[in-house]
Amino acid sequence: MNALMLAAAFSVLLPINSTLAASTEENCLVLRQHDYKLGEFTVYLGEKHVRVNCMNGKCSVIAAAPDWNVVVFNKDKQYFPVDRAAWHETGLKGITRSIREFYDVKKHPPVKVKFLGHDAIQTSRTLRTKYTDSFDIAFRSKPKRNPNAGGGRKVTYIASSDFKLNKDVAAFVEGFYLTAPHARVLLSTVSESSGDTTSGFNTHAIEQKKFPLSFFKVPSGLKKAYSISAVAAGLDVEGVLMEVVGGDHP
């Protein structure tokens, strides 16, 4: 009888202990990517927590349930908060540009492609304006692209919604990449101009991995900065950024 009671007790405790162990980790979709502005960066998408490490590890973005408000912070202990609605609308304002209009299926019929084993949508646009960006000058992980003296270049975008994300995480992703729901995760951009082809954005790997919940905790002792751009640039290049933009920050 004692043996049966012990066995029953063990069978009850086992799932409880397993649940407790699972609650200390978050199973994440992990995307390892490179952008000419954000440098090497990694996106971690869990069910209740998300994180992005960008600017070659100098800057991070974190959001979590239940409010899903965003905090952008850097290694200089600067931070800037963004509420979830504003994040979905503008993301890293002043640093990345929206490509939502490029995925207007009425104006630009999508082409179905495969990217790293995932279903994706490809679209191309010819941009007629010169590419100028003060933040690109202030923070650059690779040499600047040719300035396109002719004024026209073809850019091909590949993005995908072939990932299981809940509505809150999906909204965060659309804000980060500034993409449309049917092409939510940006995977690649390639620019062609005057016979020169340049990769502006690329995805190296897509995988699943578990991380401790502490990985998604915003550090203490942060000081609020005056803009997202200031946080992303960091103190080491903030002076350069101010020279490009002109004037001093508030």
Protein backbone atom coordinates (compact mmCIF):
# COMPACT_ATOMS: atom_id res chain seq x y z
CA MET A 1 0.00 0.00 0.00
CA ASN A 2 2.84 2.40 0.88
CA ALA A 3 4.52 1.67 -2.45
CA LEU A 4 1.31 2.49 -4.31
CA MET A 5 0.89 5.73 -2.40
CA LEU A 6 4.47 6.77 -3.18
CA ALA A 7 4.00 5.96 -6.85
CA ALA A 8 0.80 8.00 -6.97
CA ALA A 9 2.45 10.95 -5.24
CA PHE A 10 5.38 10.84 -7.64
CA SER A 11 3.06 10.78 -10.66
CA VAL A 12 1.31 13.91 -9.36
CA LEU A 13 4.51 15.82 -8.56
CA LEU A 14 6.25 15.02 -11.85
CA PRO A 15 4.04 17.14 -14.13
CA ILE A 16 4.04 19.95 -11.57
CA ASN A 17 7.83 20.00 -11.45
CA SER A 18 7.99 19.81 -15.24
CA THR A 19 5.65 22.81 -15.48
CA LEU A 20 7.75 24.79 -13.01
CA ALA A 21 10.89 24.01 -15.02
CA ALA A 22 9.21 25.02 -18.26
CA SER A 23 7.99 28.31 -16.79
CA THR A 24 11.57 29.49 -16.26
CA GLU A 25 12.32 29.34 -19.99
CA GLU A 26 10.83 30.73 -23.18
CA ASN A 27 10.83 28.72 -26.39
CA CYS A 28 11.72 31.20 -29.15
CA LEU A 29 11.82 31.53 -32.88
CA VAL A 30 15.32 32.91 -33.49
CA LEU A 31 16.27 34.85 -36.62
CA ARG A 32 19.91 35.78 -37.18
CA GLN A 33 20.07 38.65 -39.63
CA HIS A 34 22.17 41.50 -40.97
CA ASP A 35 21.08 45.01 -41.94
CA TYR A 36 23.36 47.76 -43.22
CA LYS A 37 21.98 50.09 -40.51
CA LEU A 38 21.34 47.73 -37.61
CA GLY A 39 24.49 45.69 -38.18
CA GLU A 40 24.46 42.04 -37.15
CA PHE A 41 21.33 41.43 -35.11
CA THR A 42 19.23 38.61 -33.69
CA VAL A 43 15.47 38.49 -33.14
CA TYR A 44 14.07 36.26 -30.36
CA LEU A 45 10.31 35.69 -30.53
CA GLY A 46 8.62 33.76 -27.73
CA GLU A 47 4.99 33.47 -26.67
CA LYS A 48 5.15 36.08 -23.90
CA HIS A 49 8.55 37.69 -24.36
CA VAL A 50 10.49 39.12 -27.31
CA ARG A 51 13.94 40.60 -27.67
CA VAL A 52 16.10 42.02 -30.44
CA ASN A 53 19.85 42.50 -30.09
CA CYS A 54 21.07 44.90 -32.79
CA MET A 55 23.77 47.43 -33.61
CA ASN A 56 26.30 44.60 -33.41
CA GLY A 57 25.22 43.88 -29.84
CA LYS A 58 25.30 47.49 -28.62
CA CYS A 59 21.54 48.00 -28.48
CA SER A 60 18.56 45.83 -27.48
CA VAL A 61 14.78 45.97 -27.77
CA ILE A 62 12.52 44.16 -25.29
CA ALA A 63 8.76 43.74 -24.92
CA ALA A 64 6.66 41.33 -22.87
CA ALA A 65 3.14 40.37 -21.86
CA PRO A 66 0.78 41.64 -20.68
CA ASP A 67 1.18 45.24 -21.92
CA TRP A 68 3.71 44.62 -24.74
CA ASN A 69 5.10 48.13 -24.39
CA VAL A 70 8.63 48.37 -25.80
CA VAL A 71 11.90 49.42 -24.18
CA VAL A 72 14.93 50.22 -26.35
CA PHE A 73 18.20 50.36 -24.39
CA ASN A 74 21.94 50.23 -24.96
CA LYS A 75 25.18 49.29 -23.25
CA ASP A 76 25.67 52.91 -22.16
CA LYS A 77 22.61 52.44 -19.89
CA GLN A 78 20.42 54.75 -21.95
CA TYR A 79 16.83 53.78 -22.75
CA PHE A 80 13.76 55.03 -24.56
CA PRO A 81 10.21 53.67 -24.00
CA VAL A 82 7.65 53.20 -26.76
CA ASP A 83 4.03 52.17 -26.18
CA ARG A 84 2.78 49.21 -28.21
CA ALA A 85 0.55 51.28 -30.50
CA ALA A 86 3.31 53.74 -31.42
CA TRP A 87 5.75 50.85 -31.88
CA HIS A 88 3.46 49.12 -34.37
CA GLU A 89 3.07 52.37 -36.27
CA THR A 90 6.68 53.60 -36.44
CA GLY A 91 9.01 51.00 -34.85
CA LEU A 92 12.58 52.28 -34.61
CA LYS A 93 11.51 55.73 -35.76
CA GLY A 94 14.18 57.57 -37.71
CA ILE A 95 16.28 54.46 -38.20
CA THR A 96 14.27 52.11 -40.38
CA ARG A 97 11.79 52.91 -43.14
CA SER A 98 8.41 51.32 -43.76
CA ILE A 99 8.02 48.84 -46.60
CA ARG A 100 4.31 48.25 -46.03
CA GLU A 101 3.35 50.10 -49.21
CA PHE A 102 5.63 47.80 -51.21
CA TYR A 103 3.45 44.84 -50.25
CA ASP A 104 0.22 46.35 -51.55
CA VAL A 105 -1.05 43.26 -53.41
CA LYS A 106 -3.37 45.34 -55.63
CA LYS A 107 -0.58 47.52 -56.97
CA HIS A 108 2.19 44.93 -56.80
CA PRO A 109 1.06 41.31 -57.29
CA PRO A 110 3.24 39.16 -55.04
CA VAL A 111 5.53 36.41 -56.27
CA LYS A 112 5.68 33.28 -54.10
CA VAL A 113 9.21 32.08 -53.31
CA LYS A 114 11.04 29.89 -50.81
CA PHE A 115 13.59 31.30 -48.37
CA LEU A 116 15.53 29.04 -46.01
CA GLY A 117 12.75 26.45 -46.31
CA HIS A 118 9.90 28.88 -45.56
CA ASP A 119 7.12 30.13 -47.83
CA ALA A 120 7.72 33.79 -48.61
CA ILE A 121 6.56 36.65 -50.82
CA GLN A 122 8.83 38.61 -53.14
CA THR A 123 8.17 42.07 -54.53
CA SER A 124 10.31 44.61 -56.38
CA ARG A 125 10.17 48.38 -56.65
CA THR A 126 12.16 50.93 -58.61
CA LEU A 127 13.07 53.85 -56.35
CA ARG A 128 13.72 57.15 -58.09
CA THR A 129 15.14 59.17 -55.23
CA LYS A 130 18.67 59.24 -53.95
CA TYR A 131 19.17 57.36 -50.71
CA THR A 132 20.14 59.74 -47.93
CA ASP A 133 20.03 58.97 -44.25
CA SER A 134 21.77 60.80 -41.43
CA PHE A 135 21.63 57.79 -39.16
CA ASP A 136 23.34 55.68 -41.82
CA ILE A 137 26.25 58.11 -41.74
CA ALA A 138 26.44 58.11 -37.96
CA PHE A 139 26.29 54.34 -37.53
CA ARG A 140 27.50 52.05 -40.25
CA SER A 141 28.55 48.42 -39.85
CA LYS A 142 29.77 48.12 -43.45
CA PRO A 143 31.06 50.57 -46.07
CA LYS A 144 28.34 52.83 -47.46
CA ARG A 145 26.76 51.76 -50.71
CA ASN A 146 27.30 53.65 -53.93
CA PRO A 147 25.17 56.83 -53.78
CA ASN A 148 23.32 56.05 -57.03
CA ALA A 149 24.10 59.10 -59.11
CA GLY A 150 21.45 58.08 -61.67
CA GLY A 151 18.63 58.41 -59.17
CA GLY A 152 16.98 55.06 -59.94
CA ARG A 153 17.52 51.65 -58.41
CA LYS A 154 15.56 48.41 -58.26
CA VAL A 155 15.04 46.96 -54.78
CA THR A 156 13.73 43.43 -54.30
CA TYR A 157 12.17 42.53 -50.94
CA ILE A 158 11.48 39.05 -49.57
CA ALA A 159 9.29 38.66 -46.49
CA SER A 160 7.27 35.87 -44.89
CA SER A 161 4.37 35.16 -42.55
CA ASP A 162 5.16 31.44 -42.52
CA PHE A 163 5.69 31.50 -38.74
CA LYS A 164 3.34 30.67 -35.85
CA LEU A 165 3.14 33.91 -33.85
CA ASN A 166 0.37 35.04 -31.52
CA LYS A 167 -1.30 38.38 -32.25
CA ASP A 168 0.81 40.35 -29.76
CA VAL A 169 4.12 39.01 -31.04
CA ALA A 170 2.91 39.48 -34.62
CA ALA A 171 2.16 43.14 -33.87
CA PHE A 172 5.64 43.61 -32.38
CA VAL A 173 7.22 42.05 -35.47
CA GLU A 174 5.23 44.26 -37.84
CA GLY A 175 6.43 47.28 -35.88
CA PHE A 176 10.05 46.20 -35.89
CA TYR A 177 10.25 45.48 -39.62
CA LEU A 178 7.46 47.96 -40.55
CA THR A 179 5.84 45.27 -42.65
CA ALA A 180 2.34 44.11 -43.61
CA PRO A 181 0.54 41.17 -41.93
CA HIS A 182 0.78 38.95 -45.03
CA ALA A 183 4.56 39.55 -45.29
CA ARG A 184 5.43 40.08 -41.64
CA VAL A 185 9.06 38.98 -41.20
CA LEU A 186 11.52 40.71 -43.50
CA LEU A 187 14.07 38.20 -44.79
CA SER A 188 16.03 39.89 -47.57
CA THR A 189 16.50 43.07 -49.58
CA VAL A 190 18.69 43.33 -52.66
CA SER A 191 19.39 46.59 -54.47
CA GLU A 192 20.41 46.81 -58.14
CA SER A 193 21.72 50.00 -59.72
CA SER A 194 23.92 50.59 -62.77
CA GLY A 195 24.91 46.94 -62.85
CA ASP A 196 25.86 46.93 -59.17
CA THR A 197 24.01 44.50 -56.88
CA THR A 198 24.08 45.03 -53.13
CA SER A 199 22.51 43.09 -50.28
CA GLY A 200 21.08 45.60 -47.82
CA PHE A 201 19.41 43.04 -45.57
CA ASN A 202 19.83 39.29 -45.23
CA THR A 203 18.80 36.41 -42.98
CA HIS A 204 21.54 33.92 -42.10
CA ALA A 205 19.59 31.40 -40.02
CA ILE A 206 16.12 30.58 -38.68
CA GLU A 207 15.91 28.22 -35.70
CA GLN A 208 14.07 27.35 -32.49
CA LYS A 209 15.84 27.70 -29.13
CA LYS A 210 14.99 28.10 -25.43
CA PHE A 211 16.17 31.01 -23.29
CA PRO A 212 15.82 31.78 -19.56
CA LEU A 213 13.25 34.41 -18.67
CA SER A 214 16.06 36.54 -17.24
CA PHE A 215 17.23 37.05 -20.84
CA PHE A 216 14.13 39.18 -21.41
CA LYS A 217 14.53 41.38 -18.35
CA VAL A 218 15.20 45.10 -18.84
CA PRO A 219 18.36 46.08 -16.88
CA SER A 220 18.04 48.37 -13.88
CA GLY A 221 19.74 51.76 -13.52
CA LEU A 222 18.92 53.02 -17.01
CA LYS A 223 18.72 56.73 -17.85
CA LYS A 224 16.11 57.93 -20.33
CA ALA A 225 17.49 59.34 -23.58
CA TYR A 226 15.81 61.95 -25.77
CA SER A 227 15.15 59.67 -28.76
CA ILE A 228 15.36 56.13 -30.08
CA SER A 229 18.12 57.23 -32.46
CA ALA A 230 20.23 58.43 -29.53
CA VAL A 231 19.87 55.05 -27.82
CA ALA A 232 20.64 53.12 -30.99
CA ALA A 233 23.69 55.24 -31.75
CA GLY A 234 25.08 55.17 -28.21
CA LEU A 235 27.34 57.69 -26.58
CA ASP A 236 30.35 56.77 -28.71
CA VAL A 237 28.76 58.05 -31.94
CA GLU A 238 26.14 60.44 -30.53
CA GLY A 239 28.39 63.43 -31.20
CA VAL A 240 28.79 62.40 -34.83
CA LEU A 241 25.03 62.00 -35.18
CA MET A 242 24.42 65.48 -33.78
CA GLU A 243 26.88 66.98 -36.25
CA VAL A 244 25.06 65.32 -39.14
CA VAL A 245 21.56 66.25 -37.95
CA GLY A 246 22.67 69.70 -36.85
CA GLY A 247 22.46 71.35 -33.45
CA ASP A 248 22.32 69.81 -30.02
CA HIS A 249 19.79 67.46 -28.57
CA PRO A 250 17.16 68.82 -26.16
